[in-house]
Protein backbone atom coordinates (compact mmCIF):
# COMPACT_ATOMS: atom_id res chain seq x y z
CA MET A 1 189.32 52.47 101.70
CA SER A 2 186.21 52.87 103.84
CA LEU A 3 182.99 50.90 103.51
CA ASN A 4 179.48 52.30 103.18
CA THR A 5 178.14 50.47 106.20
CA SER A 6 174.77 52.23 106.05
CA ALA A 7 173.72 49.58 103.53
CA PHE A 8 174.03 46.86 106.19
CA ALA A 9 172.04 46.09 109.30
CA ASN A 10 174.34 43.32 110.49
CA ILE A 11 178.12 42.78 110.52
CA ILE A 12 179.84 39.45 111.14
CA PHE A 13 183.51 39.68 112.10
CA ASP A 14 186.21 37.06 111.92
CA LEU A 15 188.61 37.04 114.89
CA GLY A 16 192.17 36.13 113.91
CA GLY A 17 193.59 38.43 111.25
CA VAL A 18 190.64 40.82 111.57
CA ILE A 19 190.29 41.76 115.22
CA LEU A 20 193.32 39.98 116.67
CA ASN A 21 196.70 40.21 114.95
CA ILE A 22 198.13 36.79 114.13
CA ASP A 23 201.12 35.34 112.30
CA TYR A 24 200.91 31.72 111.11
CA ASN A 25 204.63 31.67 110.38
CA LEU A 26 205.44 31.92 114.08
CA SER A 27 203.69 28.61 114.80
CA VAL A 28 205.32 27.06 111.74
CA GLN A 29 208.75 28.03 113.06
CA ALA A 30 207.94 26.93 116.61
CA PHE A 31 206.72 23.47 115.60
CA GLU A 32 209.66 22.93 113.28
CA LYS A 33 211.94 23.56 116.28
CA LEU A 34 210.01 20.79 118.07
CA GLY A 35 210.73 18.39 115.21
CA LEU A 36 207.70 18.69 112.92
CA ASN A 37 209.21 19.67 109.59
CA GLN A 38 207.17 21.55 106.98
CA PHE A 39 204.48 22.36 109.52
CA ASP A 40 202.94 24.78 107.00
CA SER A 41 201.90 21.75 104.93
CA HIS A 42 199.88 20.60 107.95
CA PHE A 43 198.41 23.95 109.01
CA SER A 44 198.17 27.30 107.22
CA GLN A 45 195.69 30.07 106.53
CA ALA A 46 194.66 28.46 103.24
CA LYS A 47 194.41 24.79 104.27
CA GLN A 48 195.00 22.31 107.05
CA LYS A 49 195.02 18.58 107.68
CA GLU A 50 192.20 16.63 109.28
CA LEU A 51 193.66 16.72 112.79
CA PHE A 52 193.29 20.51 112.89
CA ASP A 53 189.81 20.39 111.36
CA LEU A 54 188.70 17.91 114.01
CA TYR A 55 190.16 20.02 116.79
CA GLU A 56 188.65 23.27 115.52
CA LYS A 57 185.25 21.56 115.32
CA GLY A 58 185.57 20.32 118.87
CA HIS A 59 185.45 16.70 117.73
CA ILE A 60 188.61 15.85 119.64
CA SER A 61 189.82 17.16 123.00
CA SER A 62 192.91 19.25 123.64
CA THR A 63 194.54 16.16 125.16
CA GLU A 64 193.85 14.11 122.03
CA PHE A 65 195.14 16.95 119.86
CA ARG A 66 198.41 17.16 121.79
CA ASN A 67 198.86 13.39 121.82
CA GLN A 68 198.43 13.16 118.06
CA LEU A 69 201.00 15.90 117.54
CA LYS A 70 203.46 14.21 119.91
CA LYS A 71 203.65 11.27 117.52
CA GLN A 72 205.30 13.58 114.99
CA LEU A 73 207.50 15.58 117.39
CA ASN A 74 210.82 15.06 119.11
CA GLU A 75 210.93 12.89 122.21
CA ASN A 76 210.41 14.64 125.53
CA VAL A 77 208.23 17.40 124.02
CA THR A 78 205.76 18.42 126.74
CA ASP A 79 202.16 19.57 126.60
CA LYS A 80 203.40 23.04 127.56
CA ASP A 81 205.86 23.01 124.65
CA ILE A 82 203.01 22.19 122.27
CA ASP A 83 200.73 24.86 123.73
CA ASN A 84 203.46 27.47 123.49
CA ALA A 85 204.20 26.59 119.86
CA TRP A 86 200.51 26.50 118.97
CA ASN A 87 199.81 29.83 120.71
CA SER A 88 202.82 31.60 119.23
CA LEU A 89 200.74 32.71 116.24
CA LEU A 90 198.56 34.84 118.55
CA LEU A 91 199.85 38.41 118.70
CA ASP A 92 198.15 41.57 120.00
CA LEU A 93 194.79 43.28 119.84
CA PRO A 94 195.10 47.09 119.52
CA LYS A 95 192.74 48.90 121.90
CA GLU A 96 191.42 51.03 119.03
CA ARG A 97 189.78 47.96 117.51
CA LEU A 98 187.81 47.34 120.69
CA LEU A 99 186.72 50.98 120.72
CA LEU A 100 185.69 50.62 117.08
CA LEU A 101 183.58 47.56 117.90
CA GLU A 102 181.87 49.53 120.65
CA GLU A 103 180.95 52.26 118.17
CA ILE A 104 179.69 49.84 115.52
CA GLN A 105 177.47 48.16 118.11
CA LYS A 106 175.52 51.40 118.41
CA THR A 107 174.30 51.24 114.81
CA HIS A 108 174.51 47.56 113.77
CA ARG A 109 173.86 44.07 115.05
CA THR A 110 177.34 42.57 115.36
CA PHE A 111 178.51 38.96 115.56
CA LEU A 112 181.80 37.10 115.89
CA LEU A 113 182.44 34.01 113.75
CA SER A 114 185.79 32.33 114.32
CA ASN A 115 187.54 29.09 113.48
CA THR A 116 189.32 28.47 116.76
CA ASN A 117 189.97 25.95 119.50
CA GLU A 118 190.19 25.54 123.25
CA ILE A 119 193.96 26.12 123.59
CA HIS A 120 193.86 29.33 121.58
CA ILE A 121 190.79 30.71 123.32
CA LEU A 122 192.18 30.03 126.80
CA GLU A 123 195.37 31.88 125.86
CA PHE A 124 193.48 34.72 124.16
CA ASN A 125 191.08 35.21 127.07
CA ASN A 126 194.03 35.25 129.45
CA TYR A 127 195.56 38.01 127.29
CA LEU A 128 192.29 39.97 127.39
CA ALA A 129 192.10 39.69 131.17
CA LYS A 130 195.68 40.89 131.65
CA THR A 131 195.58 43.63 129.02
CA PHE A 132 192.02 44.99 129.15
CA ASP A 133 190.59 43.51 132.37
CA ILE A 134 187.81 41.71 130.48
CA PRO A 135 187.16 37.93 130.51
CA ASN A 136 186.39 37.57 126.80
CA LEU A 137 184.94 39.46 123.82
CA SER A 138 181.29 38.53 124.43
CA GLY A 139 180.40 42.09 125.46
CA TYR A 140 181.37 43.41 122.04
CA PHE A 141 178.94 41.25 120.08
CA GLU A 142 175.32 40.20 120.16
CA LYS A 143 176.56 36.63 119.80
CA ALA A 144 179.99 35.01 119.46
CA TYR A 145 180.25 31.81 117.42
CA LEU A 146 183.40 29.76 118.01
CA SER A 147 183.89 26.74 115.76
CA TYR A 148 184.96 24.32 118.47
CA GLU A 149 181.86 25.14 120.55
CA ILE A 150 179.31 24.67 117.76
CA GLY A 151 180.92 21.77 115.87
CA MET A 152 181.23 23.58 112.55
CA ARG A 153 183.93 25.64 110.87
CA LYS A 154 184.43 27.95 107.91
CA PRO A 155 184.38 27.64 104.95
CA ASP A 156 181.62 25.02 105.26
CA ALA A 157 178.28 26.49 104.20
CA GLU A 158 176.52 25.05 107.24
CA ILE A 159 178.21 27.42 109.69
CA PHE A 160 177.14 30.51 107.76
CA GLU A 161 173.61 29.15 107.38
CA PHE A 162 173.53 28.44 111.12
CA VAL A 163 174.41 32.02 112.04
CA ILE A 164 172.03 33.52 109.48
CA ASN A 165 169.10 31.30 110.44
CA GLN A 166 169.57 31.44 114.21
CA ASN A 167 169.54 35.24 114.19
CA LYS A 168 167.01 35.69 111.37
CA LEU A 169 169.45 37.76 109.32
CA ASN A 170 168.85 38.89 105.76
CA PRO A 171 172.02 37.92 103.83
CA LEU A 172 171.63 40.98 101.60
CA GLU A 173 171.77 43.22 104.68
CA THR A 174 174.62 41.28 106.32
CA LEU A 175 178.32 42.07 105.87
CA PHE A 176 180.91 39.40 106.60
CA ILE A 177 184.54 40.51 107.11
CA ASP A 178 187.30 37.89 106.95
CA ASP A 179 190.95 37.71 105.95
CA SER A 180 190.76 34.24 104.29
CA ILE A 181 189.56 34.20 100.69
CA GLN A 182 188.08 30.67 100.93
CA HIS A 183 185.76 31.87 103.70
CA ILE A 184 184.76 34.92 101.68
CA GLU A 185 183.95 32.80 98.63
CA SER A 186 181.78 30.45 100.69
CA ALA A 187 179.80 33.32 102.21
CA ASP A 188 179.45 34.95 98.76
CA ALA A 189 177.90 31.78 97.40
CA LEU A 190 175.15 32.05 100.01
CA GLY A 191 174.32 35.65 99.11
CA ILE A 192 176.02 37.18 102.14
CA GLN A 193 177.75 40.50 101.47
CA THR A 194 181.48 40.26 102.07
CA HIS A 195 184.72 42.14 102.43
CA TRP A 196 188.05 40.37 102.12
CA LEU A 197 190.43 42.07 104.52
CA LYS A 198 193.75 41.80 102.73
CA SER A 199 197.19 41.99 104.29
CA GLY A 200 198.24 45.55 105.03
CA THR A 201 194.77 46.80 105.93
CA THR A 202 192.82 46.65 109.20
CA ILE A 203 189.20 47.11 110.21
CA LEU A 204 190.15 50.64 111.30
CA ASP A 205 190.59 51.44 107.59
CA LEU A 206 187.08 50.24 106.73
CA PHE A 207 184.91 52.40 108.97
CA GLN A 208 184.54 56.17 109.00
CA ILE A 209 184.83 56.56 112.76
CA HIS A 210 187.57 59.00 113.67
CA ASP A 211 187.31 59.70 117.40
CA LEU A 212 188.38 56.47 119.13
CA SER A 213 190.14 58.05 122.08
């Protein structure tokens, strides 16, 4: 299914699950091996506990985040063990998606809006440097909004209002693409146009751009 993007002047992309492939279950399994049982009740695509909210809003440091997790993990678990478990959900970014973003930039104002954190971004940027020889994704967007840098996270209305107002976007001319339904519903309520990217589809399916060689 392709979208009629001519109706939009602006496109806001989520990162994980939209541009970057991720798998929450891998972090669930990794943390359970470290002694935190039922990790999916603490952190999942649909919901998460306050510790993760605070970290993704940048209200606590990476050190504080690790130390809080250590209280619930086996003895002798190291910071590196925690980082590895936390980063295990991060998978790959197919080159074709970067080429697609380059093409979309030619006809639309594009933005990145991601719930993320310092540990994930350091790992992701390291992957980008090794794989594509780029330091980050900033060159693919007019502006990148990362939750831990701006102190807000989806699905709170304030983060959508912040992006819309800062860039003087018309919600009716703005498409938001995300893989989490709670984020889609929040953007919908503000009049932003949305597309819920469901499992089994990718952004390559949404745009009629065929030559990405």
